[in-house]
Amino acid sequence: MDYYEIVDRVRDGLENADAREVFEHVAVQVNITGEGEGKFYVEIAARQVCVEPYEYYDRDGLLIGDAPTLIAIADGSMNILEAMKNGKLRVEGNWEKLKLLYKVRIKPPLKK
């Protein structure tokens, strides 16, 4: 899987996420390790989630993990806490802002 396929899979998983309980702006850069290595960002603004294939320099936090872990988080089959406990995800940054990610609810993708 290449970088753009990974970003698309994460975007697909998060495009219908419910961020109604997040009232603050949160920007997190995500670093993919291993196959498809690269950087993208996840931003929560106006209670909506946006995923774009760019670095985010003025970020609140940084998530570092491999593609299978990041995709599993985005599709709801694994949560961030579980990934951290299993050593599959490294998290750095402003913990008060990063804790807001737990309020985002992953929804199953809409049928096309």
PDB file of N, CA and C in Angstrom:
ATOM      1  N   MET A   1       0.859  -1.173   0.000  1.00  0.00           N
ATOM      2  CA  MET A   1       0.000   0.000   0.000  1.00  0.00           C
ATOM      3  C   MET A   1       0.902   1.231   0.000  1.00  0.00           C
ATOM      4  N   ASP A   2       0.597   2.194  -0.870  1.00  0.00           N
ATOM      5  CA  ASP A   2       1.427   3.391  -0.914  1.00  0.00           C
ATOM      6  C   ASP A   2       0.829   4.491  -0.018  1.00  0.00           C
ATOM      7  N   TYR A   3       1.567   5.576   0.111  1.00  0.00           N
ATOM      8  CA  TYR A   3       1.208   6.689   0.985  1.00  0.00           C
ATOM      9  C   TYR A   3      -0.212   7.204   0.709  1.00  0.00           C
ATOM     10  N   TYR A   4      -0.522   7.464  -0.554  1.00  0.00           N
ATOM     11  CA  TYR A   4      -1.826   8.045  -0.879  1.00  0.00           C
ATOM     12  C   TYR A   4      -2.972   7.080  -0.605  1.00  0.00           C
ATOM     13  N   GLU A   5      -2.745   5.797  -0.788  1.00  0.00           N
ATOM     14  CA  GLU A   5      -3.772   4.807  -0.457  1.00  0.00           C
ATOM     15  C   GLU A   5      -4.050   4.799   1.047  1.00  0.00           C
ATOM     16  N   ILE A   6      -2.996   4.941   1.845  1.00  0.00           N
ATOM     17  CA  ILE A   6      -3.161   4.974   3.308  1.00  0.00           C
ATOM     18  C   ILE A   6      -3.954   6.211   3.721  1.00  0.00           C
ATOM     19  N   VAL A   7      -3.569   7.369   3.194  1.00  0.00           N
ATOM     20  CA  VAL A   7      -4.286   8.609   3.525  1.00  0.00           C
ATOM     21  C   VAL A   7      -5.752   8.483   3.113  1.00  0.00           C
ATOM     22  N   ASP A   8      -6.019   7.932   1.943  1.00  0.00           N
ATOM     23  CA  ASP A   8      -7.401   7.752   1.486  1.00  0.00           C
ATOM     24  C   ASP A   8      -8.188   6.818   2.402  1.00  0.00           C
ATOM     25  N   ARG A   9      -7.564   5.747   2.849  1.00  0.00           N
ATOM     26  CA  ARG A   9      -8.251   4.804   3.754  1.00  0.00           C
ATOM     27  C   ARG A   9      -8.581   5.473   5.084  1.00  0.00           C
ATOM     28  N   VAL A  10      -7.625   6.246   5.621  1.00  0.00           N
ATOM     29  CA  VAL A  10      -7.874   6.961   6.875  1.00  0.00           C
ATOM     30  C   VAL A  10      -8.973   8.003   6.655  1.00  0.00           C
ATOM     31  N   ARG A  11      -8.894   8.741   5.562  1.00  0.00           N
ATOM     32  CA  ARG A  11      -9.917   9.750   5.257  1.00  0.00           C
ATOM     33  C   ARG A  11     -11.291   9.089   5.137  1.00  0.00           C
ATOM     34  N   ASP A  12     -11.373   7.971   4.426  1.00  0.00           N
ATOM     35  CA  ASP A  12     -12.646   7.260   4.284  1.00  0.00           C
ATOM     36  C   ASP A  12     -13.210   6.844   5.641  1.00  0.00           C
ATOM     37  N   GLY A  13     -12.324   6.398   6.532  1.00  0.00           N
ATOM     38  CA  GLY A  13     -12.772   5.974   7.854  1.00  0.00           C
ATOM     39  C   GLY A  13     -13.246   7.122   8.722  1.00  0.00           C
ATOM     40  N   LEU A  14     -12.650   8.291   8.532  1.00  0.00           N
ATOM     41  CA  LEU A  14     -12.967   9.424   9.406  1.00  0.00           C
ATOM     42  C   LEU A  14     -13.949  10.427   8.808  1.00  0.00           C
ATOM     43  N   GLU A  15     -14.264  10.296   7.521  1.00  0.00           N
ATOM     44  CA  GLU A  15     -15.110  11.326   6.910  1.00  0.00           C
ATOM     45  C   GLU A  15     -16.512  11.397   7.506  1.00  0.00           C
ATOM     46  N   ASN A  16     -16.985  10.318   8.086  1.00  0.00           N
ATOM     47  CA  ASN A  16     -18.302  10.328   8.717  1.00  0.00           C
ATOM     48  C   ASN A  16     -18.223  10.308  10.238  1.00  0.00           C
ATOM     49  N   ALA A  17     -17.043  10.582  10.769  1.00  0.00           N
ATOM     50  CA  ALA A  17     -16.868  10.563  12.219  1.00  0.00           C
ATOM     51  C   ALA A  17     -17.726  11.652  12.869  1.00  0.00           C
ATOM     52  N   ASP A  18     -18.203  11.351  14.052  1.00  0.00           N
ATOM     53  CA  ASP A  18     -19.047  12.263  14.805  1.00  0.00           C
ATOM     54  C   ASP A  18     -18.171  13.033  15.795  1.00  0.00           C
ATOM     55  N   ALA A  19     -17.936  14.311  15.503  1.00  0.00           N
ATOM     56  CA  ALA A  19     -17.109  15.152  16.369  1.00  0.00           C
ATOM     57  C   ALA A  19     -17.939  16.236  17.047  1.00  0.00           C
ATOM     58  N   ARG A  20     -19.236  15.978  17.217  1.00  0.00           N
ATOM     59  CA  ARG A  20     -20.131  16.976  17.813  1.00  0.00           C
ATOM     60  C   ARG A  20     -19.765  17.353  19.239  1.00  0.00           C
ATOM     61  N   GLU A  21     -19.031  16.474  19.928  1.00  0.00           N
ATOM     62  CA  GLU A  21     -18.662  16.755  21.317  1.00  0.00           C
ATOM     63  C   GLU A  21     -17.320  17.479  21.439  1.00  0.00           C
ATOM     64  N   VAL A  22     -16.692  17.778  20.323  1.00  0.00           N
ATOM     65  CA  VAL A  22     -15.397  18.476  20.342  1.00  0.00           C
ATOM     66  C   VAL A  22     -15.647  19.925  19.933  1.00  0.00           C
ATOM     67  N   PHE A  23     -15.535  20.828  20.903  1.00  0.00           N
ATOM     68  CA  PHE A  23     -15.833  22.231  20.663  1.00  0.00           C
ATOM     69  C   PHE A  23     -14.585  23.074  20.439  1.00  0.00           C
ATOM     70  N   GLU A  24     -13.421  22.471  20.548  1.00  0.00           N
ATOM     71  CA  GLU A  24     -12.166  23.182  20.335  1.00  0.00           C
ATOM     72  C   GLU A  24     -11.544  22.750  19.021  1.00  0.00           C
ATOM     73  N   HIS A  25     -10.642  23.574  18.516  1.00  0.00           N
ATOM     74  CA  HIS A  25      -9.863  23.213  17.330  1.00  0.00           C
ATOM     75  C   HIS A  25      -8.745  22.272  17.766  1.00  0.00           C
ATOM     76  N   VAL A  26      -8.575  21.174  17.046  1.00  0.00           N
ATOM     77  CA  VAL A  26      -7.507  20.214  17.331  1.00  0.00           C
ATOM     78  C   VAL A  26      -6.843  19.859  16.008  1.00  0.00           C
ATOM     79  N   ALA A  27      -5.520  19.962  15.974  1.00  0.00           N
ATOM     80  CA  ALA A  27      -4.757  19.600  14.771  1.00  0.00           C
ATOM     81  C   ALA A  27      -3.666  18.629  15.170  1.00  0.00           C
ATOM     82  N   VAL A  28      -3.647  17.480  14.508  1.00  0.00           N
ATOM     83  CA  VAL A  28      -2.689  16.433  14.833  1.00  0.00           C
ATOM     84  C   VAL A  28      -1.995  15.987  13.554  1.00  0.00           C
ATOM     85  N   GLN A  29      -0.684  15.998  13.581  1.00  0.00           N
ATOM     86  CA  GLN A  29       0.063  15.427  12.466  1.00  0.00           C
ATOM     87  C   GLN A  29       0.205  13.937  12.716  1.00  0.00           C
ATOM     88  N   VAL A  30       0.105  13.158  11.651  1.00  0.00           N
ATOM     89  CA  VAL A  30       0.232  11.711  11.742  1.00  0.00           C
ATOM     90  C   VAL A  30       1.420  11.292  10.884  1.00  0.00           C
ATOM     91  N   ASN A  31       2.384  10.609  11.502  1.00  0.00           N
ATOM     92  CA  ASN A  31       3.551  10.108  10.780  1.00  0.00           C
ATOM     93  C   ASN A  31       3.379   8.616  10.571  1.00  0.00           C
ATOM     94  N   ILE A  32       3.350   8.213   9.309  1.00  0.00           N
ATOM     95  CA  ILE A  32       3.256   6.790   8.961  1.00  0.00           C
ATOM     96  C   ILE A  32       4.666   6.224   8.950  1.00  0.00           C
ATOM     97  N   THR A  33       4.856   5.104   9.648  1.00  0.00           N
ATOM     98  CA  THR A  33       6.153   4.431   9.629  1.00  0.00           C
ATOM     99  C   THR A  33       6.042   3.175   8.769  1.00  0.00           C
ATOM    100  N   GLY A  34       7.168   2.721   8.260  1.00  0.00           N
ATOM    101  CA  GLY A  34       7.174   1.494   7.461  1.00  0.00           C
ATOM    102  C   GLY A  34       6.621   1.725   6.067  1.00  0.00           C
ATOM    103  N   GLU A  35       5.947   0.712   5.550  1.00  0.00           N
ATOM    104  CA  GLU A  35       5.398   0.785   4.196  1.00  0.00           C
ATOM    105  C   GLU A  35       4.482   1.996   4.047  1.00  0.00           C
ATOM    106  N   GLY A  36       4.668   2.769   2.987  1.00  0.00           N
ATOM    107  CA  GLY A  36       3.851   3.952   2.741  1.00  0.00           C
ATOM    108  C   GLY A  36       4.243   5.143   3.585  1.00  0.00           C
ATOM    109  N   GLU A  37       5.450   5.134   4.117  1.00  0.00           N
ATOM    110  CA  GLU A  37       5.924   6.179   5.027  1.00  0.00           C
ATOM    111  C   GLU A  37       5.608   7.574   4.503  1.00  0.00           C
ATOM    112  N   GLY A  38       5.173   8.440   5.396  1.00  0.00           N
ATOM    113  CA  GLY A  38       4.862   9.818   5.043  1.00  0.00           C
ATOM    114  C   GLY A  38       4.140  10.502   6.187  1.00  0.00           C
ATOM    115  N   LYS A  39       3.675  11.725   5.925  1.00  0.00           N
ATOM    116  CA  LYS A  39       3.014  12.523   6.957  1.00  0.00           C
ATOM    117  C   LYS A  39       1.713  13.082   6.404  1.00  0.00           C
ATOM    118  N   PHE A  40       0.695  13.125   7.250  1.00  0.00           N
ATOM    119  CA  PHE A  40      -0.557  13.784   6.912  1.00  0.00           C
ATOM    120  C   PHE A  40      -1.128  14.364   8.194  1.00  0.00           C
ATOM    121  N   TYR A  41      -2.248  15.079   8.078  1.00  0.00           N
ATOM    122  CA  TYR A  41      -2.823  15.616   9.304  1.00  0.00           C
ATOM    123  C   TYR A  41      -4.296  15.317   9.424  1.00  0.00           C
ATOM    124  N   VAL A  42      -4.739  15.315  10.665  1.00  0.00           N
ATOM    125  CA  VAL A  42      -6.146  15.195  11.011  1.00  0.00           C
ATOM    126  C   VAL A  42      -6.482  16.452  11.802  1.00  0.00           C
ATOM    127  N   GLU A  43      -7.501  17.151  11.344  1.00  0.00           N
ATOM    128  CA  GLU A  43      -7.903  18.388  11.997  1.00  0.00           C
ATOM    129  C   GLU A  43      -9.380  18.307  12.363  1.00  0.00           C
ATOM    130  N   ILE A  44      -9.691  18.764  13.564  1.00  0.00           N
ATOM    131  CA  ILE A  44     -11.080  18.883  13.978  1.00  0.00           C
ATOM    132  C   ILE A  44     -11.349  20.375  14.135  1.00  0.00           C
ATOM    133  N   ALA A  45     -12.286  20.857  13.333  1.00  0.00           N
ATOM    134  CA  ALA A  45     -12.669  22.262  13.381  1.00  0.00           C
ATOM    135  C   ALA A  45     -14.158  22.334  13.092  1.00  0.00           C
ATOM    136  N   ALA A  46     -14.838  23.206  13.777  1.00  0.00           N
ATOM    137  CA  ALA A  46     -16.289  23.358  13.618  1.00  0.00           C
ATOM    138  C   ALA A  46     -16.988  22.007  13.767  1.00  0.00           C
ATOM    139  N   ARG A  47     -16.457  21.186  14.684  1.00  0.00           N
ATOM    140  CA  ARG A  47     -17.012  19.874  15.035  1.00  0.00           C
ATOM    141  C   ARG A  47     -17.063  18.916  13.844  1.00  0.00           C
ATOM    142  N   GLN A  48     -16.131  19.097  12.905  1.00  0.00           N
ATOM    143  CA  GLN A  48     -15.990  18.207  11.752  1.00  0.00           C
ATOM    144  C   GLN A  48     -14.547  17.748  11.654  1.00  0.00           C
ATOM    145  N   VAL A  49     -14.343  16.555  11.098  1.00  0.00           N
ATOM    146  CA  VAL A  49     -13.006  15.978  10.953  1.00  0.00           C
ATOM    147  C   VAL A  49     -12.555  16.107   9.507  1.00  0.00           C
ATOM    148  N   CYS A  50     -11.320  16.562   9.334  1.00  0.00           N
ATOM    149  CA  CYS A  50     -10.725  16.725   8.014  1.00  0.00           C
ATOM    150  C   CYS A  50      -9.379  15.992   8.000  1.00  0.00           C
ATOM    151  N   VAL A  51      -9.094  15.270   6.929  1.00  0.00           N
ATOM    152  CA  VAL A  51      -7.819  14.567   6.765  1.00  0.00           C
ATOM    153  C   VAL A  51      -7.201  15.055   5.462  1.00  0.00           C
ATOM    154  N   GLU A  52      -5.957  15.534   5.521  1.00  0.00           N
ATOM    155  CA  GLU A  52      -5.276  16.033   4.329  1.00  0.00           C
ATOM    156  C   GLU A  52      -3.829  15.534   4.294  1.00  0.00           C
ATOM    157  N   PRO A  53      -3.283  15.316   3.091  1.00  0.00           N
ATOM    158  CA  PRO A  53      -1.932  14.756   2.959  1.00  0.00           C
ATOM    159  C   PRO A  53      -0.816  15.795   3.045  1.00  0.00           C
ATOM    160  N   TYR A  54      -0.777  16.529   4.132  1.00  0.00           N
ATOM    161  CA  TYR A  54       0.253  17.543   4.327  1.00  0.00           C
ATOM    162  C   TYR A  54       0.747  17.496   5.767  1.00  0.00           C
ATOM    163  N   GLU A  55       1.945  18.059   5.986  1.00  0.00           N
ATOM    164  CA  GLU A  55       2.439  18.229   7.358  1.00  0.00           C
ATOM    165  C   GLU A  55       1.661  19.382   7.991  1.00  0.00           C
ATOM    166  N   TYR A  56       1.571  19.368   9.312  1.00  0.00           N
ATOM    167  CA  TYR A  56       0.893  20.438  10.043  1.00  0.00           C
ATOM    168  C   TYR A  56       1.897  20.966  11.064  1.00  0.00           C
ATOM    169  N   TYR A  57       2.468  22.117  10.780  1.00  0.00           N
ATOM    170  CA  TYR A  57       3.557  22.631  11.610  1.00  0.00           C
ATOM    171  C   TYR A  57       3.099  23.196  12.947  1.00  0.00           C
ATOM    172  N   ASP A  58       1.945  23.832  12.999  1.00  0.00           N
ATOM    173  CA  ASP A  58       1.453  24.433  14.240  1.00  0.00           C
ATOM    174  C   ASP A  58       0.456  23.478  14.889  1.00  0.00           C
ATOM    175  N   ARG A  59       0.892  22.263  15.115  1.00  0.00           N
ATOM    176  CA  ARG A  59       0.010  21.189  15.571  1.00  0.00           C
ATOM    177  C   ARG A  59      -0.075  21.114  17.091  1.00  0.00           C
ATOM    178  N   ASP A  60      -1.139  20.457  17.528  1.00  0.00           N
ATOM    179  CA  ASP A  60      -1.319  20.199  18.956  1.00  0.00           C
ATOM    180  C   ASP A  60      -0.656  18.901  19.378  1.00  0.00           C
ATOM    181  N   GLY A  61      -0.495  17.992  18.435  1.00  0.00           N
ATOM    182  CA  GLY A  61       0.089  16.702  18.782  1.00  0.00           C
ATOM    183  C   GLY A  61       0.588  15.955  17.566  1.00  0.00           C
ATOM    184  N   LEU A  62       1.198  14.819  17.855  1.00  0.00           N
ATOM    185  CA  LEU A  62       1.791  13.983  16.827  1.00  0.00           C
ATOM    186  C   LEU A  62       1.471  12.532  17.144  1.00  0.00           C
ATOM    187  N   LEU A  63       0.948  11.804  16.147  1.00  0.00           N
ATOM    188  CA  LEU A  63       0.712  10.374  16.267  1.00  0.00           C
ATOM    189  C   LEU A  63       1.683   9.677  15.327  1.00  0.00           C
ATOM    190  N   ILE A  64       2.340   8.630  15.814  1.00  0.00           N
ATOM    191  CA  ILE A  64       3.325   7.908  15.009  1.00  0.00           C
ATOM    192  C   ILE A  64       2.982   6.428  15.044  1.00  0.00           C
ATOM    193  N   GLY A  65       2.725   5.848  13.865  1.00  0.00           N
ATOM    194  CA  GLY A  65       2.378   4.437  13.804  1.00  0.00           C
ATOM    195  C   GLY A  65       2.442   3.912  12.382  1.00  0.00           C
ATOM    196  N   ASP A  66       2.313   2.612  12.241  1.00  0.00           N
ATOM    197  CA  ASP A  66       2.339   2.021  10.904  1.00  0.00           C
ATOM    198  C   ASP A  66       0.946   2.069  10.279  1.00  0.00           C
ATOM    199  N   ALA A  67       0.896   1.796   8.984  1.00  0.00           N
ATOM    200  CA  ALA A  67      -0.359   1.894   8.230  1.00  0.00           C
ATOM    201  C   ALA A  67      -1.477   1.021   8.792  1.00  0.00           C
ATOM    202  N   PRO A  68      -1.239  -0.272   9.085  1.00  0.00           N
ATOM    203  CA  PRO A  68      -2.337  -1.086   9.605  1.00  0.00           C
ATOM    204  C   PRO A  68      -2.942  -0.529  10.901  1.00  0.00           C
ATOM    205  N   THR A  69      -2.099   0.006  11.771  1.00  0.00           N
ATOM    206  CA  THR A  69      -2.584   0.578  13.028  1.00  0.00           C
ATOM    207  C   THR A  69      -3.421   1.823  12.769  1.00  0.00           C
ATOM    208  N   LEU A  70      -2.923   2.711  11.927  1.00  0.00           N
ATOM    209  CA  LEU A  70      -3.637   3.962  11.649  1.00  0.00           C
ATOM    210  C   LEU A  70      -4.973   3.695  10.965  1.00  0.00           C
ATOM    211  N   ILE A  71      -4.995   2.742  10.051  1.00  0.00           N
ATOM    212  CA  ILE A  71      -6.242   2.392   9.366  1.00  0.00           C
ATOM    213  C   ILE A  71      -7.225   1.756  10.349  1.00  0.00           C
ATOM    214  N   ALA A  72      -6.734   0.902  11.237  1.00  0.00           N
ATOM    215  CA  ALA A  72      -7.601   0.266  12.234  1.00  0.00           C
ATOM    216  C   ALA A  72      -8.224   1.310  13.167  1.00  0.00           C
ATOM    217  N   ILE A  73      -7.465   2.320  13.529  1.00  0.00           N
ATOM    218  CA  ILE A  73      -8.005   3.399  14.364  1.00  0.00           C
ATOM    219  C   ILE A  73      -9.074   4.161  13.586  1.00  0.00           C
ATOM    220  N   ALA A  74      -8.792   4.465  12.321  1.00  0.00           N
ATOM    221  CA  ALA A  74      -9.729   5.243  11.507  1.00  0.00           C
ATOM    222  C   ALA A  74     -11.018   4.486  11.211  1.00  0.00           C
ATOM    223  N   ASP A  75     -10.948   3.155  11.121  1.00  0.00           N
ATOM    224  CA  ASP A  75     -12.184   2.419  10.816  1.00  0.00           C
ATOM    225  C   ASP A  75     -12.904   1.949  12.087  1.00  0.00           C
ATOM    226  N   GLY A  76     -12.338   2.271  13.246  1.00  0.00           N
ATOM    227  CA  GLY A  76     -13.006   1.979  14.506  1.00  0.00           C
ATOM    228  C   GLY A  76     -12.745   0.602  15.081  1.00  0.00           C
ATOM    229  N   SER A  77     -11.890  -0.189  14.436  1.00  0.00           N
ATOM    230  CA  SER A  77     -11.622  -1.530  14.961  1.00  0.00           C
ATOM    231  C   SER A  77     -10.558  -1.517  16.067  1.00  0.00           C
ATOM    232  N   MET A  78      -9.893  -0.380  16.268  1.00  0.00           N
ATOM    233  CA  MET A  78      -8.925  -0.214  17.357  1.00  0.00           C
ATOM    234  C   MET A  78      -9.025   1.235  17.824  1.00  0.00           C
ATOM    235  N   ASN A  79      -8.867   1.464  19.128  1.00  0.00           N
ATOM    236  CA  ASN A  79      -8.871   2.855  19.575  1.00  0.00           C
ATOM    237  C   ASN A  79      -7.447   3.301  19.907  1.00  0.00           C
ATOM    238  N   ILE A  80      -7.283   4.591  20.052  1.00  0.00           N
ATOM    239  CA  ILE A  80      -5.954   5.158  20.277  1.00  0.00           C
ATOM    240  C   ILE A  80      -5.332   4.614  21.549  1.00  0.00           C
ATOM    241  N   LEU A  81      -6.112   4.528  22.615  1.00  0.00           N
ATOM    242  CA  LEU A  81      -5.596   4.032  23.892  1.00  0.00           C
ATOM    243  C   LEU A  81      -5.085   2.599  23.775  1.00  0.00           C
ATOM    244  N   GLU A  82      -5.864   1.758  23.115  1.00  0.00           N
ATOM    245  CA  GLU A  82      -5.478   0.365  22.901  1.00  0.00           C
ATOM    246  C   GLU A  82      -4.173   0.293  22.091  1.00  0.00           C
ATOM    247  N   ALA A  83      -4.072   1.095  21.035  1.00  0.00           N
ATOM    248  CA  ALA A  83      -2.865   1.102  20.204  1.00  0.00           C
ATOM    249  C   ALA A  83      -1.646   1.560  21.004  1.00  0.00           C
ATOM    250  N   MET A  84      -1.834   2.541  21.885  1.00  0.00           N
ATOM    251  CA  MET A  84      -0.727   3.020  22.715  1.00  0.00           C
ATOM    252  C   MET A  84      -0.289   1.930  23.695  1.00  0.00           C
ATOM    253  N   LYS A  85      -1.253   1.279  24.342  1.00  0.00           N
ATOM    254  CA  LYS A  85      -0.934   0.235  25.316  1.00  0.00           C
ATOM    255  C   LYS A  85      -0.192  -0.931  24.678  1.00  0.00           C
ATOM    256  N   ASN A  86      -0.536  -1.240  23.415  1.00  0.00           N
ATOM    257  CA  ASN A  86       0.104  -2.342  22.704  1.00  0.00           C
ATOM    258  C   ASN A  86       1.427  -1.942  22.048  1.00  0.00           C
ATOM    259  N   GLY A  87       1.832  -0.692  22.216  1.00  0.00           N
ATOM    260  CA  GLY A  87       3.087  -0.223  21.631  1.00  0.00           C
ATOM    261  C   GLY A  87       3.016  -0.012  20.131  1.00  0.00           C
ATOM    262  N   LYS A  88       1.829   0.063  19.571  1.00  0.00           N
ATOM    263  CA  LYS A  88       1.670   0.232  18.124  1.00  0.00           C
ATOM    264  C   LYS A  88       1.564   1.691  17.715  1.00  0.00           C
ATOM    265  N   LEU A  89       1.346   2.566  18.689  1.00  0.00           N
ATOM    266  CA  LEU A  89       1.175   3.987  18.405  1.00  0.00           C
ATOM    267  C   LEU A  89       1.931   4.797  19.443  1.00  0.00           C
ATOM    268  N   ARG A  90       2.704   5.755  18.956  1.00  0.00           N
ATOM    269  CA  ARG A  90       3.387   6.690  19.849  1.00  0.00           C
ATOM    270  C   ARG A  90       2.682   8.039  19.728  1.00  0.00           C
ATOM    271  N   VAL A  91       2.466   8.685  20.857  1.00  0.00           N
ATOM    272  CA  VAL A  91       1.725   9.944  20.882  1.00  0.00           C
ATOM    273  C   VAL A  91       2.556  10.990  21.619  1.00  0.00           C
ATOM    274  N   GLU A  92       2.649  12.174  21.024  1.00  0.00           N
ATOM    275  CA  GLU A  92       3.385  13.285  21.631  1.00  0.00           C
ATOM    276  C   GLU A  92       2.565  14.554  21.499  1.00  0.00           C
ATOM    277  N   GLY A  93       2.736  15.474  22.440  1.00  0.00           N
ATOM    278  CA  GLY A  93       2.109  16.775  22.291  1.00  0.00           C
ATOM    279  C   GLY A  93       1.295  17.205  23.488  1.00  0.00           C
ATOM    280  N   ASN A  94       0.356  18.088  23.235  1.00  0.00           N
ATOM    281  CA  ASN A  94      -0.504  18.692  24.245  1.00  0.00           C
ATOM    282  C   ASN A  94      -1.587  17.679  24.641  1.00  0.00           C
ATOM    283  N   TRP A  95      -1.418  17.070  25.796  1.00  0.00           N
ATOM    284  CA  TRP A  95      -2.336  16.007  26.225  1.00  0.00           C
ATOM    285  C   TRP A  95      -3.760  16.491  26.412  1.00  0.00           C
ATOM    286  N   GLU A  96      -3.938  17.734  26.831  1.00  0.00           N
ATOM    287  CA  GLU A  96      -5.298  18.259  27.000  1.00  0.00           C
ATOM    288  C   GLU A  96      -6.026  18.278  25.665  1.00  0.00           C
ATOM    289  N   LYS A  97      -5.346  18.668  24.615  1.00  0.00           N
ATOM    290  CA  LYS A  97      -5.948  18.671  23.275  1.00  0.00           C
ATOM    291  C   LYS A  97      -6.087  17.250  22.733  1.00  0.00           C
ATOM    292  N   LEU A  98      -5.065  16.428  22.939  1.00  0.00           N
ATOM    293  CA  LEU A  98      -5.100  15.060  22.409  1.00  0.00           C
ATOM    294  C   LEU A  98      -6.216  14.233  23.031  1.00  0.00           C
ATOM    295  N   LYS A  99      -6.545  14.503  24.289  1.00  0.00           N
ATOM    296  CA  LYS A  99      -7.640  13.770  24.938  1.00  0.00           C
ATOM    297  C   LYS A  99      -8.975  14.019  24.247  1.00  0.00           C
ATOM    298  N   LEU A 100      -9.093  15.129  23.538  1.00  0.00           N
ATOM    299  CA  LEU A 100     -10.329  15.423  22.817  1.00  0.00           C
ATOM    300  C   LEU A 100     -10.569  14.427  21.678  1.00  0.00           C
ATOM    301  N   LEU A 101      -9.515  13.788  21.190  1.00  0.00           N
ATOM    302  CA  LEU A 101      -9.672  12.784  20.134  1.00  0.00           C
ATOM    303  C   LEU A 101     -10.540  11.620  20.597  1.00  0.00           C
ATOM    304  N   TYR A 102     -10.545  11.335  21.905  1.00  0.00           N
ATOM    305  CA  TYR A 102     -11.369  10.242  22.431  1.00  0.00           C
ATOM    306  C   TYR A 102     -12.861  10.525  22.282  1.00  0.00           C
ATOM    307  N   LYS A 103     -13.223  11.803  22.110  1.00  0.00           N
ATOM    308  CA  LYS A 103     -14.627  12.162  21.980  1.00  0.00           C
ATOM    309  C   LYS A 103     -15.153  11.968  20.552  1.00  0.00           C
ATOM    310  N   VAL A 104     -14.258  11.756  19.606  1.00  0.00           N
ATOM    311  CA  VAL A 104     -14.677  11.540  18.216  1.00  0.00           C
ATOM    312  C   VAL A 104     -15.189  10.113  18.086  1.00  0.00           C
ATOM    313  N   ARG A 105     -16.392   9.972  17.585  1.00  0.00           N
ATOM    314  CA  ARG A 105     -17.018   8.659  17.412  1.00  0.00           C
ATOM    315  C   ARG A 105     -16.925   8.247  15.947  1.00  0.00           C
ATOM    316  N   ILE A 106     -16.335   7.090  15.718  1.00  0.00           N
ATOM    317  CA  ILE A 106     -16.208   6.568  14.356  1.00  0.00           C
ATOM    318  C   ILE A 106     -17.537   5.921  13.960  1.00  0.00           C
ATOM    319  N   LYS A 107     -18.022   6.268  12.783  1.00  0.00           N
ATOM    320  CA  LYS A 107     -19.258   5.681  12.276  1.00  0.00           C
ATOM    321  C   LYS A 107     -18.925   4.760  11.117  1.00  0.00           C
ATOM    322  N   PRO A 108     -19.756   3.743  10.895  1.00  0.00           N
ATOM    323  CA  PRO A 108     -19.520   2.898   9.721  1.00  0.00           C
ATOM    324  C   PRO A 108     -19.647   3.736   8.453  1.00  0.00           C
ATOM    325  N   PRO A 109     -18.894   3.390   7.404  1.00  0.00           N
ATOM    326  CA  PRO A 109     -18.972   4.193   6.172  1.00  0.00           C
ATOM    327  C   PRO A 109     -20.370   4.136   5.563  1.00  0.00           C
ATOM    328  N   LEU A 110     -20.730   5.224   4.892  1.00  0.00           N
ATOM    329  CA  LEU A 110     -22.015   5.268   4.204  1.00  0.00           C
ATOM    330  C   LEU A 110     -21.949   4.362   2.987  1.00  0.00           C
ATOM    331  N   LYS A 111     -23.048   3.698   2.701  1.00  0.00           N
ATOM    332  CA  LYS A 111     -23.092   2.827   1.511  1.00  0.00           C
ATOM    333  C   LYS A 111     -23.228   3.697   0.276  1.00  0.00           C
ATOM    334  N   LYS A 112     -22.425   3.375  -0.724  1.00  0.00           N
ATOM    335  CA  LYS A 112     -22.448   4.168  -1.961  1.00  0.00           C
ATOM    336  C   LYS A 112     -23.228   3.465  -3.020  1.00  0.00           C
TER     337      LYS A 112
END
